Amino acid sequence: MPSFYRVVLTNPPTRIDFESHVALGKSHDRGTADLRRMAEGVSVNATLAQARSRARFLGMRLVAEVAVPGAGPISFERTGSKRGHHTLWGDPDAMLAAVVAIVPADAVD
């Protein structure tokens, strides 16, 4: 079961932490087809270190580990140009239910 790491706002995280840009009403009409597709999912990182770095860059404090079942309501794909970036697609409640840990972004790896 692969794990991915998502920067989140609160501990415990809420559904809003797993809403896509499209669901949040953020327009991506002018982007490429790939960018529009990514906007329908949520950005995650392959490693905790990558997610901690992203959280610190964004001025955020928490990272959630999301364990994605092999078969189920969440799909994923390597996306974007940044090392370790992936996108998850699926129901935000299913992603929230798949959270197995919350860690501080400022801890040392």
PDB file of N, CA and C in Angstrom:
ATOM      1  N   MET A   1       0.857  -1.170   0.000  1.00  0.00           N
ATOM      2  CA  MET A   1       0.000   0.000   0.000  1.00  0.00           C
ATOM      3  C   MET A   1       0.905   1.234   0.000  1.00  0.00           C
ATOM      4  N   PRO A   2       0.913   1.997  -1.091  1.00  0.00           N
ATOM      5  CA  PRO A   2       1.781   3.183  -1.148  1.00  0.00           C
ATOM      6  C   PRO A   2       1.280   4.291  -0.226  1.00  0.00           C
ATOM      7  N   SER A   3       2.231   5.024   0.321  1.00  0.00           N
ATOM      8  CA  SER A   3       1.902   6.212   1.112  1.00  0.00           C
ATOM      9  C   SER A   3       2.373   7.452   0.368  1.00  0.00           C
ATOM     10  N   PHE A   4       1.591   8.511   0.516  1.00  0.00           N
ATOM     11  CA  PHE A   4       1.931   9.820  -0.024  1.00  0.00           C
ATOM     12  C   PHE A   4       1.780  10.837   1.103  1.00  0.00           C
ATOM     13  N   TYR A   5       2.316  12.036   0.882  1.00  0.00           N
ATOM     14  CA  TYR A   5       2.349  13.043   1.930  1.00  0.00           C
ATOM     15  C   TYR A   5       1.727  14.339   1.422  1.00  0.00           C
ATOM     16  N   ARG A   6       0.744  14.819   2.186  1.00  0.00           N
ATOM     17  CA  ARG A   6      -0.045  15.998   1.802  1.00  0.00           C
ATOM     18  C   ARG A   6       0.100  17.072   2.871  1.00  0.00           C
ATOM     19  N   VAL A   7       0.416  18.287   2.450  1.00  0.00           N
ATOM     20  CA  VAL A   7       0.440  19.425   3.362  1.00  0.00           C
ATOM     21  C   VAL A   7      -1.005  19.731   3.747  1.00  0.00           C
ATOM     22  N   VAL A   8      -1.269  19.839   5.060  1.00  0.00           N
ATOM     23  CA  VAL A   8      -2.627  20.075   5.547  1.00  0.00           C
ATOM     24  C   VAL A   8      -2.651  21.277   6.495  1.00  0.00           C
ATOM     25  N   LEU A   9      -3.855  21.785   6.716  1.00  0.00           N
ATOM     26  CA  LEU A   9      -4.026  22.982   7.532  1.00  0.00           C
ATOM     27  C   LEU A   9      -4.159  22.698   9.023  1.00  0.00           C
ATOM     28  N   THR A  10      -4.795  21.591   9.375  1.00  0.00           N
ATOM     29  CA  THR A  10      -5.124  21.349  10.777  1.00  0.00           C
ATOM     30  C   THR A  10      -4.832  19.912  11.194  1.00  0.00           C
ATOM     31  N   ASN A  11      -4.735  19.723  12.500  1.00  0.00           N
ATOM     32  CA  ASN A  11      -4.604  18.400  13.080  1.00  0.00           C
ATOM     33  C   ASN A  11      -5.733  18.229  14.090  1.00  0.00           C
ATOM     34  N   PRO A  12      -6.694  17.378  13.806  1.00  0.00           N
ATOM     35  CA  PRO A  12      -6.750  16.483  12.652  1.00  0.00           C
ATOM     36  C   PRO A  12      -7.142  17.243  11.383  1.00  0.00           C
ATOM     37  N   PRO A  13      -6.764  16.710  10.231  1.00  0.00           N
ATOM     38  CA  PRO A  13      -7.169  17.347   8.978  1.00  0.00           C
ATOM     39  C   PRO A  13      -8.681  17.222   8.776  1.00  0.00           C
ATOM     40  N   THR A  14      -9.198  18.024   7.878  1.00  0.00           N
ATOM     41  CA  THR A  14     -10.619  17.989   7.542  1.00  0.00           C
ATOM     42  C   THR A  14     -10.782  17.742   6.049  1.00  0.00           C
ATOM     43  N   ARG A  15     -12.005  17.572   5.639  1.00  0.00           N
ATOM     44  CA  ARG A  15     -12.326  17.341   4.222  1.00  0.00           C
ATOM     45  C   ARG A  15     -11.721  18.425   3.328  1.00  0.00           C
ATOM     46  N   ILE A  16     -11.725  19.665   3.794  1.00  0.00           N
ATOM     47  CA  ILE A  16     -11.222  20.782   2.974  1.00  0.00           C
ATOM     48  C   ILE A  16      -9.752  20.578   2.601  1.00  0.00           C
ATOM     49  N   ASP A  17      -8.999  19.872   3.450  1.00  0.00           N
ATOM     50  CA  ASP A  17      -7.593  19.591   3.148  1.00  0.00           C
ATOM     51  C   ASP A  17      -7.427  18.693   1.928  1.00  0.00           C
ATOM     52  N   PHE A  18      -8.511  18.016   1.525  1.00  0.00           N
ATOM     53  CA  PHE A  18      -8.445  17.076   0.416  1.00  0.00           C
ATOM     54  C   PHE A  18      -9.377  17.457  -0.733  1.00  0.00           C
ATOM     55  N   GLU A  19      -9.827  18.695  -0.748  1.00  0.00           N
ATOM     56  CA  GLU A  19     -10.644  19.204  -1.860  1.00  0.00           C
ATOM     57  C   GLU A  19      -9.717  19.658  -2.986  1.00  0.00           C
ATOM     58  N   SER A  20     -10.081  19.363  -4.212  1.00  0.00           N
ATOM     59  CA  SER A  20      -9.294  19.782  -5.377  1.00  0.00           C
ATOM     60  C   SER A  20      -9.490  21.267  -5.639  1.00  0.00           C
ATOM     61  N   HIS A  21      -8.609  21.824  -6.443  1.00  0.00           N
ATOM     62  CA  HIS A  21      -8.778  23.223  -6.853  1.00  0.00           C
ATOM     63  C   HIS A  21     -10.105  23.420  -7.570  1.00  0.00           C
ATOM     64  N   VAL A  22     -10.492  22.455  -8.381  1.00  0.00           N
ATOM     65  CA  VAL A  22     -11.768  22.550  -9.103  1.00  0.00           C
ATOM     66  C   VAL A  22     -12.919  22.586  -8.105  1.00  0.00           C
ATOM     67  N   ALA A  23     -12.910  21.693  -7.126  1.00  0.00           N
ATOM     68  CA  ALA A  23     -13.984  21.658  -6.121  1.00  0.00           C
ATOM     69  C   ALA A  23     -14.034  22.943  -5.306  1.00  0.00           C
ATOM     70  N   LEU A  24     -12.876  23.576  -5.126  1.00  0.00           N
ATOM     71  CA  LEU A  24     -12.803  24.824  -4.363  1.00  0.00           C
ATOM     72  C   LEU A  24     -13.139  26.045  -5.213  1.00  0.00           C
ATOM     73  N   GLY A  25     -13.412  25.817  -6.501  1.00  0.00           N
ATOM     74  CA  GLY A  25     -13.803  26.920  -7.380  1.00  0.00           C
ATOM     75  C   GLY A  25     -12.643  27.718  -7.941  1.00  0.00           C
ATOM     76  N   LYS A  26     -11.438  27.178  -7.858  1.00  0.00           N
ATOM     77  CA  LYS A  26     -10.270  27.860  -8.426  1.00  0.00           C
ATOM     78  C   LYS A  26     -10.181  27.482  -9.898  1.00  0.00           C
ATOM     79  N   SER A  27     -10.260  28.468 -10.762  1.00  0.00           N
ATOM     80  CA  SER A  27     -10.328  28.232 -12.194  1.00  0.00           C
ATOM     81  C   SER A  27      -8.975  27.824 -12.770  1.00  0.00           C
ATOM     82  N   HIS A  28      -9.020  26.873 -13.676  1.00  0.00           N
ATOM     83  CA  HIS A  28      -7.839  26.450 -14.425  1.00  0.00           C
ATOM     84  C   HIS A  28      -8.194  26.363 -15.906  1.00  0.00           C
ATOM     85  N   ASP A  29      -9.092  27.223 -16.343  1.00  0.00           N
ATOM     86  CA  ASP A  29      -9.564  27.208 -17.724  1.00  0.00           C
ATOM     87  C   ASP A  29      -8.466  27.495 -18.737  1.00  0.00           C
ATOM     88  N   ARG A  30      -7.473  28.262 -18.340  1.00  0.00           N
ATOM     89  CA  ARG A  30      -6.446  28.687 -19.301  1.00  0.00           C
ATOM     90  C   ARG A  30      -5.237  27.761 -19.347  1.00  0.00           C
ATOM     91  N   GLY A  31      -5.198  26.764 -18.472  1.00  0.00           N
ATOM     92  CA  GLY A  31      -4.055  25.863 -18.429  1.00  0.00           C
ATOM     93  C   GLY A  31      -4.120  24.800 -19.508  1.00  0.00           C
ATOM     94  N   THR A  32      -3.075  24.026 -19.559  1.00  0.00           N
ATOM     95  CA  THR A  32      -3.037  22.902 -20.488  1.00  0.00           C
ATOM     96  C   THR A  32      -3.994  21.813 -20.002  1.00  0.00           C
ATOM     97  N   ALA A  33      -4.252  20.849 -20.850  1.00  0.00           N
ATOM     98  CA  ALA A  33      -5.115  19.736 -20.450  1.00  0.00           C
ATOM     99  C   ALA A  33      -4.533  19.012 -19.238  1.00  0.00           C
ATOM    100  N   ASP A  34      -3.210  18.851 -19.182  1.00  0.00           N
ATOM    101  CA  ASP A  34      -2.574  18.197 -18.040  1.00  0.00           C
ATOM    102  C   ASP A  34      -2.773  18.998 -16.759  1.00  0.00           C
ATOM    103  N   LEU A  35      -2.639  20.316 -16.829  1.00  0.00           N
ATOM    104  CA  LEU A  35      -2.835  21.155 -15.640  1.00  0.00           C
ATOM    105  C   LEU A  35      -4.285  21.123 -15.180  1.00  0.00           C
ATOM    106  N   ARG A  36      -5.206  21.139 -16.126  1.00  0.00           N
ATOM    107  CA  ARG A  36      -6.627  21.059 -15.758  1.00  0.00           C
ATOM    108  C   ARG A  36      -6.934  19.715 -15.096  1.00  0.00           C
ATOM    109  N   ARG A  37      -6.356  18.650 -15.616  1.00  0.00           N
ATOM    110  CA  ARG A  37      -6.563  17.325 -15.025  1.00  0.00           C
ATOM    111  C   ARG A  37      -5.986  17.262 -13.616  1.00  0.00           C
ATOM    112  N   MET A  38      -4.783  17.818 -13.417  1.00  0.00           N
ATOM    113  CA  MET A  38      -4.178  17.838 -12.091  1.00  0.00           C
ATOM    114  C   MET A  38      -5.037  18.652 -11.116  1.00  0.00           C
ATOM    115  N   ALA A  39      -5.675  19.707 -11.598  1.00  0.00           N
ATOM    116  CA  ALA A  39      -6.509  20.554 -10.746  1.00  0.00           C
ATOM    117  C   ALA A  39      -7.755  19.830 -10.256  1.00  0.00           C
ATOM    118  N   GLU A  40      -8.096  18.712 -10.894  1.00  0.00           N
ATOM    119  CA  GLU A  40      -9.238  17.909 -10.458  1.00  0.00           C
ATOM    120  C   GLU A  40      -8.857  16.956  -9.312  1.00  0.00           C
ATOM    121  N   GLY A  41      -7.582  16.890  -8.987  1.00  0.00           N
ATOM    122  CA  GLY A  41      -7.091  16.057  -7.895  1.00  0.00           C
ATOM    123  C   GLY A  41      -6.389  16.910  -6.858  1.00  0.00           C
ATOM    124  N   VAL A  42      -5.636  16.266  -5.977  1.00  0.00           N
ATOM    125  CA  VAL A  42      -4.871  16.995  -4.972  1.00  0.00           C
ATOM    126  C   VAL A  42      -3.399  16.622  -5.077  1.00  0.00           C
ATOM    127  N   SER A  43      -2.545  17.604  -4.857  1.00  0.00           N
ATOM    128  CA  SER A  43      -1.102  17.417  -4.931  1.00  0.00           C
ATOM    129  C   SER A  43      -0.584  16.735  -3.679  1.00  0.00           C
ATOM    130  N   VAL A  44       0.295  15.779  -3.889  1.00  0.00           N
ATOM    131  CA  VAL A  44       0.969  15.091  -2.793  1.00  0.00           C
ATOM    132  C   VAL A  44       2.422  14.879  -3.190  1.00  0.00           C
ATOM    133  N   ASN A  45       3.218  14.486  -2.202  1.00  0.00           N
ATOM    134  CA  ASN A  45       4.620  14.180  -2.451  1.00  0.00           C
ATOM    135  C   ASN A  45       4.889  12.719  -2.148  1.00  0.00           C
ATOM    136  N   ALA A  46       5.919  12.192  -2.779  1.00  0.00           N
ATOM    137  CA  ALA A  46       6.284  10.792  -2.598  1.00  0.00           C
ATOM    138  C   ALA A  46       6.991  10.552  -1.266  1.00  0.00           C
ATOM    139  N   THR A  47       7.666  11.579  -0.729  1.00  0.00           N
ATOM    140  CA  THR A  47       8.401  11.399   0.522  1.00  0.00           C
ATOM    141  C   THR A  47       8.005  12.457   1.541  1.00  0.00           C
ATOM    142  N   LEU A  48       8.205  12.098   2.798  1.00  0.00           N
ATOM    143  CA  LEU A  48       7.942  13.036   3.882  1.00  0.00           C
ATOM    144  C   LEU A  48       8.861  14.250   3.785  1.00  0.00           C
ATOM    145  N   ALA A  49      10.121  14.028   3.435  1.00  0.00           N
ATOM    146  CA  ALA A  49      11.072  15.141   3.315  1.00  0.00           C
ATOM    147  C   ALA A  49      10.604  16.145   2.256  1.00  0.00           C
ATOM    148  N   GLN A  50      10.116  15.659   1.122  1.00  0.00           N
ATOM    149  CA  GLN A  50       9.621  16.561   0.075  1.00  0.00           C
ATOM    150  C   GLN A  50       8.424  17.358   0.575  1.00  0.00           C
ATOM    151  N   ALA A  51       7.507  16.704   1.256  1.00  0.00           N
ATOM    152  CA  ALA A  51       6.313  17.389   1.760  1.00  0.00           C
ATOM    153  C   ALA A  51       6.672  18.394   2.841  1.00  0.00           C
ATOM    154  N   ARG A  52       7.612  18.055   3.716  1.00  0.00           N
ATOM    155  CA  ARG A  52       8.045  19.012   4.744  1.00  0.00           C
ATOM    156  C   ARG A  52       8.656  20.246   4.102  1.00  0.00           C
ATOM    157  N   SER A  53       9.462  20.035   3.086  1.00  0.00           N
ATOM    158  CA  SER A  53      10.064  21.161   2.374  1.00  0.00           C
ATOM    159  C   SER A  53       8.988  22.044   1.751  1.00  0.00           C
ATOM    160  N   ARG A  54       8.007  21.430   1.124  1.00  0.00           N
ATOM    161  CA  ARG A  54       6.897  22.178   0.514  1.00  0.00           C
ATOM    162  C   ARG A  54       6.103  22.935   1.574  1.00  0.00           C
ATOM    163  N   ALA A  55       5.818  22.286   2.686  1.00  0.00           N
ATOM    164  CA  ALA A  55       5.067  22.939   3.765  1.00  0.00           C
ATOM    165  C   ALA A  55       5.819  24.170   4.274  1.00  0.00           C
ATOM    166  N   ARG A  56       7.113  24.020   4.508  1.00  0.00           N
ATOM    167  CA  ARG A  56       7.901  25.165   4.984  1.00  0.00           C
ATOM    168  C   ARG A  56       7.907  26.289   3.956  1.00  0.00           C
ATOM    169  N   PHE A  57       8.021  25.938   2.674  1.00  0.00           N
ATOM    170  CA  PHE A  57       7.987  26.941   1.598  1.00  0.00           C
ATOM    171  C   PHE A  57       6.660  27.697   1.607  1.00  0.00           C
ATOM    172  N   LEU A  58       5.560  26.979   1.869  1.00  0.00           N
ATOM    173  CA  LEU A  58       4.225  27.579   1.879  1.00  0.00           C
ATOM    174  C   LEU A  58       3.880  28.255   3.208  1.00  0.00           C
ATOM    175  N   GLY A  59       4.771  28.141   4.193  1.00  0.00           N
ATOM    176  CA  GLY A  59       4.498  28.706   5.505  1.00  0.00           C
ATOM    177  C   GLY A  59       3.471  27.916   6.294  1.00  0.00           C
ATOM    178  N   MET A  60       3.392  26.620   6.020  1.00  0.00           N
ATOM    179  CA  MET A  60       2.433  25.752   6.705  1.00  0.00           C
ATOM    180  C   MET A  60       3.188  24.839   7.664  1.00  0.00           C
ATOM    181  N   ARG A  61       2.442  24.199   8.577  1.00  0.00           N
ATOM    182  CA  ARG A  61       3.096  23.518   9.683  1.00  0.00           C
ATOM    183  C   ARG A  61       2.870  22.019   9.780  1.00  0.00           C
ATOM    184  N   LEU A  62       1.975  21.469   8.962  1.00  0.00           N
ATOM    185  CA  LEU A  62       1.604  20.067   9.141  1.00  0.00           C
ATOM    186  C   LEU A  62       1.617  19.279   7.837  1.00  0.00           C
ATOM    187  N   VAL A  63       1.946  17.992   7.962  1.00  0.00           N
ATOM    188  CA  VAL A  63       1.934  17.076   6.826  1.00  0.00           C
ATOM    189  C   VAL A  63       1.184  15.821   7.242  1.00  0.00           C
ATOM    190  N   ALA A  64       0.279  15.376   6.385  1.00  0.00           N
ATOM    191  CA  ALA A  64      -0.471  14.144   6.623  1.00  0.00           C
ATOM    192  C   ALA A  64       0.096  13.031   5.747  1.00  0.00           C
ATOM    193  N   GLU A  65       0.271  11.865   6.353  1.00  0.00           N
ATOM    194  CA  GLU A  65       0.630  10.679   5.584  1.00  0.00           C
ATOM    195  C   GLU A  65      -0.667   9.995   5.178  1.00  0.00           C
ATOM    196  N   VAL A  66      -0.812   9.754   3.878  1.00  0.00           N
ATOM    197  CA  VAL A  66      -2.022   9.137   3.328  1.00  0.00           C
ATOM    198  C   VAL A  66      -1.630   7.790   2.726  1.00  0.00           C
ATOM    199  N   ALA A  67      -2.157   6.705   3.306  1.00  0.00           N
ATOM    200  CA  ALA A  67      -1.885   5.358   2.804  1.00  0.00           C
ATOM    201  C   ALA A  67      -2.990   4.980   1.823  1.00  0.00           C
ATOM    202  N   VAL A  68      -2.632   4.848   0.560  1.00  0.00           N
ATOM    203  CA  VAL A  68      -3.616   4.614  -0.496  1.00  0.00           C
ATOM    204  C   VAL A  68      -3.745   3.116  -0.763  1.00  0.00           C
ATOM    205  N   PRO A  69      -4.940   2.567  -0.524  1.00  0.00           N
ATOM    206  CA  PRO A  69      -5.149   1.138  -0.807  1.00  0.00           C
ATOM    207  C   PRO A  69      -4.933   0.841  -2.292  1.00  0.00           C
ATOM    208  N   GLY A  70      -4.451  -0.366  -2.577  1.00  0.00           N
ATOM    209  CA  GLY A  70      -4.184  -0.748  -3.961  1.00  0.00           C
ATOM    210  C   GLY A  70      -5.406  -0.696  -4.860  1.00  0.00           C
ATOM    211  N   ALA A  71      -6.532  -1.128  -4.354  1.00  0.00           N
ATOM    212  CA  ALA A  71      -7.777  -1.071  -5.118  1.00  0.00           C
ATOM    213  C   ALA A  71      -8.780  -0.305  -4.276  1.00  0.00           C
ATOM    214  N   GLY A  72      -9.393   0.680  -4.879  1.00  0.00           N
ATOM    215  CA  GLY A  72     -10.359   1.448  -4.099  1.00  0.00           C
ATOM    216  C   GLY A  72     -10.701   2.762  -4.742  1.00  0.00           C
ATOM    217  N   PRO A  73     -11.239   3.656  -3.946  1.00  0.00           N
ATOM    218  CA  PRO A  73     -11.773   4.903  -4.494  1.00  0.00           C
ATOM    219  C   PRO A  73     -10.744   5.996  -4.768  1.00  0.00           C
ATOM    220  N   ILE A  74      -9.463   5.722  -4.480  1.00  0.00           N
ATOM    221  CA  ILE A  74      -8.422   6.730  -4.695  1.00  0.00           C
ATOM    222  C   ILE A  74      -7.459   6.230  -5.759  1.00  0.00           C
ATOM    223  N   SER A  75      -7.220   7.054  -6.768  1.00  0.00           N
ATOM    224  CA  SER A  75      -6.205   6.712  -7.768  1.00  0.00           C
ATOM    225  C   SER A  75      -5.085   7.746  -7.687  1.00  0.00           C
ATOM    226  N   PHE A  76      -3.942   7.398  -8.222  1.00  0.00           N
ATOM    227  CA  PHE A  76      -2.794   8.307  -8.173  1.00  0.00           C
ATOM    228  C   PHE A  76      -1.936   8.138  -9.410  1.00  0.00           C
ATOM    229  N   GLU A  77      -1.146   9.176  -9.639  1.00  0.00           N
ATOM    230  CA  GLU A  77      -0.255   9.169 -10.796  1.00  0.00           C
ATOM    231  C   GLU A  77       0.879  10.139 -10.543  1.00  0.00           C
ATOM    232  N   ARG A  78       2.053   9.830 -11.060  1.00  0.00           N
ATOM    233  CA  ARG A  78       3.181  10.753 -11.026  1.00  0.00           C
ATOM    234  C   ARG A  78       2.839  11.884 -11.979  1.00  0.00           C
ATOM    235  N   THR A  79       2.851  13.128 -11.501  1.00  0.00           N
ATOM    236  CA  THR A  79       2.469  14.275 -12.316  1.00  0.00           C
ATOM    237  C   THR A  79       3.418  15.438 -12.078  1.00  0.00           C
ATOM    238  N   GLY A  80       3.353  16.396 -12.977  1.00  0.00           N
ATOM    239  CA  GLY A  80       4.140  17.610 -12.810  1.00  0.00           C
ATOM    240  C   GLY A  80       5.613  17.390 -13.070  1.00  0.00           C
ATOM    241  N   SER A  81       6.370  18.470 -12.911  1.00  0.00           N
ATOM    242  CA  SER A  81       7.797  18.412 -13.205  1.00  0.00           C
ATOM    243  C   SER A  81       8.658  18.375 -11.950  1.00  0.00           C
ATOM    244  N   LYS A  82       8.086  18.615 -10.799  1.00  0.00           N
ATOM    245  CA  LYS A  82       8.865  18.608  -9.560  1.00  0.00           C
ATOM    246  C   LYS A  82       9.108  17.173  -9.093  1.00  0.00           C
ATOM    247  N   ARG A  83      10.291  16.938  -8.595  1.00  0.00           N
ATOM    248  CA  ARG A  83      10.688  15.610  -8.133  1.00  0.00           C
ATOM    249  C   ARG A  83       9.725  15.131  -7.046  1.00  0.00           C
ATOM    250  N   GLY A  84       9.186  13.930  -7.222  1.00  0.00           N
ATOM    251  CA  GLY A  84       8.320  13.317  -6.228  1.00  0.00           C
ATOM    252  C   GLY A  84       6.880  13.789  -6.218  1.00  0.00           C
ATOM    253  N   HIS A  85       6.511  14.670  -7.140  1.00  0.00           N
ATOM    254  CA  HIS A  85       5.130  15.175  -7.151  1.00  0.00           C
ATOM    255  C   HIS A  85       4.199  14.144  -7.769  1.00  0.00           C
ATOM    256  N   HIS A  86       3.085  13.924  -7.092  1.00  0.00           N
ATOM    257  CA  HIS A  86       2.034  13.034  -7.574  1.00  0.00           C
ATOM    258  C   HIS A  86       0.699  13.741  -7.397  1.00  0.00           C
ATOM    259  N   THR A  87      -0.326  13.229  -8.033  1.00  0.00           N
ATOM    260  CA  THR A  87      -1.689  13.720  -7.835  1.00  0.00           C
ATOM    261  C   THR A  87      -2.559  12.549  -7.423  1.00  0.00           C
ATOM    262  N   LEU A  88      -3.415  12.805  -6.422  1.00  0.00           N
ATOM    263  CA  LEU A  88      -4.430  11.836  -6.017  1.00  0.00           C
ATOM    264  C   LEU A  88      -5.772  12.297  -6.540  1.00  0.00           C
ATOM    265  N   TRP A  89      -6.574  11.368  -7.033  1.00  0.00           N
ATOM    266  CA  TRP A  89      -7.948  11.659  -7.451  1.00  0.00           C
ATOM    267  C   TRP A  89      -8.875  10.759  -6.669  1.00  0.00           C
ATOM    268  N   GLY A  90     -10.007  11.294  -6.287  1.00  0.00           N
ATOM    269  CA  GLY A  90     -10.996  10.491  -5.589  1.00  0.00           C
ATOM    270  C   GLY A  90     -11.806  11.347  -4.634  1.00  0.00           C
ATOM    271  N   ASP A  91     -12.639  10.683  -3.873  1.00  0.00           N
ATOM    272  CA  ASP A  91     -13.500  11.362  -2.922  1.00  0.00           C
ATOM    273  C   ASP A  91     -12.667  11.915  -1.763  1.00  0.00           C
ATOM    274  N   PRO A  92     -12.819  13.194  -1.438  1.00  0.00           N
ATOM    275  CA  PRO A  92     -12.066  13.777  -0.316  1.00  0.00           C
ATOM    276  C   PRO A  92     -12.272  13.027   1.000  1.00  0.00           C
ATOM    277  N   ASP A  93     -13.472  12.504   1.235  1.00  0.00           N
ATOM    278  CA  ASP A  93     -13.714  11.755   2.464  1.00  0.00           C
ATOM    279  C   ASP A  93     -12.908  10.453   2.499  1.00  0.00           C
ATOM    280  N   ALA A  94     -12.739   9.820   1.353  1.00  0.00           N
ATOM    281  CA  ALA A  94     -11.923   8.602   1.284  1.00  0.00           C
ATOM    282  C   ALA A  94     -10.457   8.931   1.555  1.00  0.00           C
ATOM    283  N   MET A  95      -9.982  10.060   1.027  1.00  0.00           N
ATOM    284  CA  MET A  95      -8.602  10.475   1.288  1.00  0.00           C
ATOM    285  C   MET A  95      -8.417  10.782   2.767  1.00  0.00           C
ATOM    286  N   LEU A  96      -9.370  11.481   3.338  1.00  0.00           N
ATOM    287  CA  LEU A  96      -9.313  11.810   4.764  1.00  0.00           C
ATOM    288  C   LEU A  96      -9.277  10.533   5.602  1.00  0.00           C
ATOM    289  N   ALA A  97     -10.075   9.560   5.230  1.00  0.00           N
ATOM    290  CA  ALA A  97     -10.107   8.289   5.964  1.00  0.00           C
ATOM    291  C   ALA A  97      -8.801   7.514   5.815  1.00  0.00           C
ATOM    292  N   ALA A  98      -8.025   7.797   4.772  1.00  0.00           N
ATOM    293  CA  ALA A  98      -6.771   7.093   4.527  1.00  0.00           C
ATOM    294  C   ALA A  98      -5.574   7.725   5.249  1.00  0.00           C
ATOM    295  N   VAL A  99      -5.802   8.818   5.991  1.00  0.00           N
ATOM    296  CA  VAL A  99      -4.719   9.462   6.741  1.00  0.00           C
ATOM    297  C   VAL A  99      -4.312   8.536   7.888  1.00  0.00           C
ATOM    298  N   VAL A 100      -3.014   8.246   7.956  1.00  0.00           N
ATOM    299  CA  VAL A 100      -2.516   7.356   9.013  1.00  0.00           C
ATOM    300  C   VAL A 100      -1.626   8.078  10.021  1.00  0.00           C
ATOM    301  N   ALA A 101      -1.178   9.291   9.687  1.00  0.00           N
ATOM    302  CA  ALA A 101      -0.328  10.041  10.615  1.00  0.00           C
ATOM    303  C   ALA A 101      -0.308  11.514  10.226  1.00  0.00           C
ATOM    304  N   ILE A 102      -0.089  12.346  11.243  1.00  0.00           N
ATOM    305  CA  ILE A 102       0.135  13.779  11.039  1.00  0.00           C
ATOM    306  C   ILE A 102       1.480  14.094  11.679  1.00  0.00           C
ATOM    307  N   VAL A 103       2.346  14.769  10.934  1.00  0.00           N
ATOM    308  CA  VAL A 103       3.665  15.107  11.462  1.00  0.00           C
ATOM    309  C   VAL A 103       3.939  16.593  11.270  1.00  0.00           C
ATOM    310  N   PRO A 104       4.725  17.180  12.150  1.00  0.00           N
ATOM    311  CA  PRO A 104       5.061  18.594  11.995  1.00  0.00           C
ATOM    312  C   PRO A 104       6.017  18.802  10.821  1.00  0.00           C
ATOM    313  N   ALA A 105       5.830  19.893  10.121  1.00  0.00           N
ATOM    314  CA  ALA A 105       6.692  20.197   8.968  1.00  0.00           C
ATOM    315  C   ALA A 105       8.089  20.617   9.402  1.00  0.00           C
ATOM    316  N   ASP A 106       8.227  21.136  10.615  1.00  0.00           N
ATOM    317  CA  ASP A 106       9.515  21.667  11.031  1.00  0.00           C
ATOM    318  C   ASP A 106      10.425  20.647  11.687  1.00  0.00           C
ATOM    319  N   ALA A 107      10.002  19.394  11.777  1.00  0.00           N
ATOM    320  CA  ALA A 107      10.873  18.345  12.339  1.00  0.00           C
ATOM    321  C   ALA A 107      12.004  18.044  11.373  1.00  0.00           C
ATOM    322  N   VAL A 108      13.091  17.550  11.905  1.00  0.00           N
ATOM    323  CA  VAL A 108      14.248  17.214  11.087  1.00  0.00           C
ATOM    324  C   VAL A 108      14.081  15.803  10.541  1.00  0.00           C
ATOM    325  N   ASP A 109      14.364  15.649   9.240  1.00  0.00           N
ATOM    326  CA  ASP A 109      14.252  14.326   8.605  1.00  0.00           C
ATOM    327  C   ASP A 109      15.449  13.459   8.907  1.00  0.00           C
TER     328      ASP A 109
END
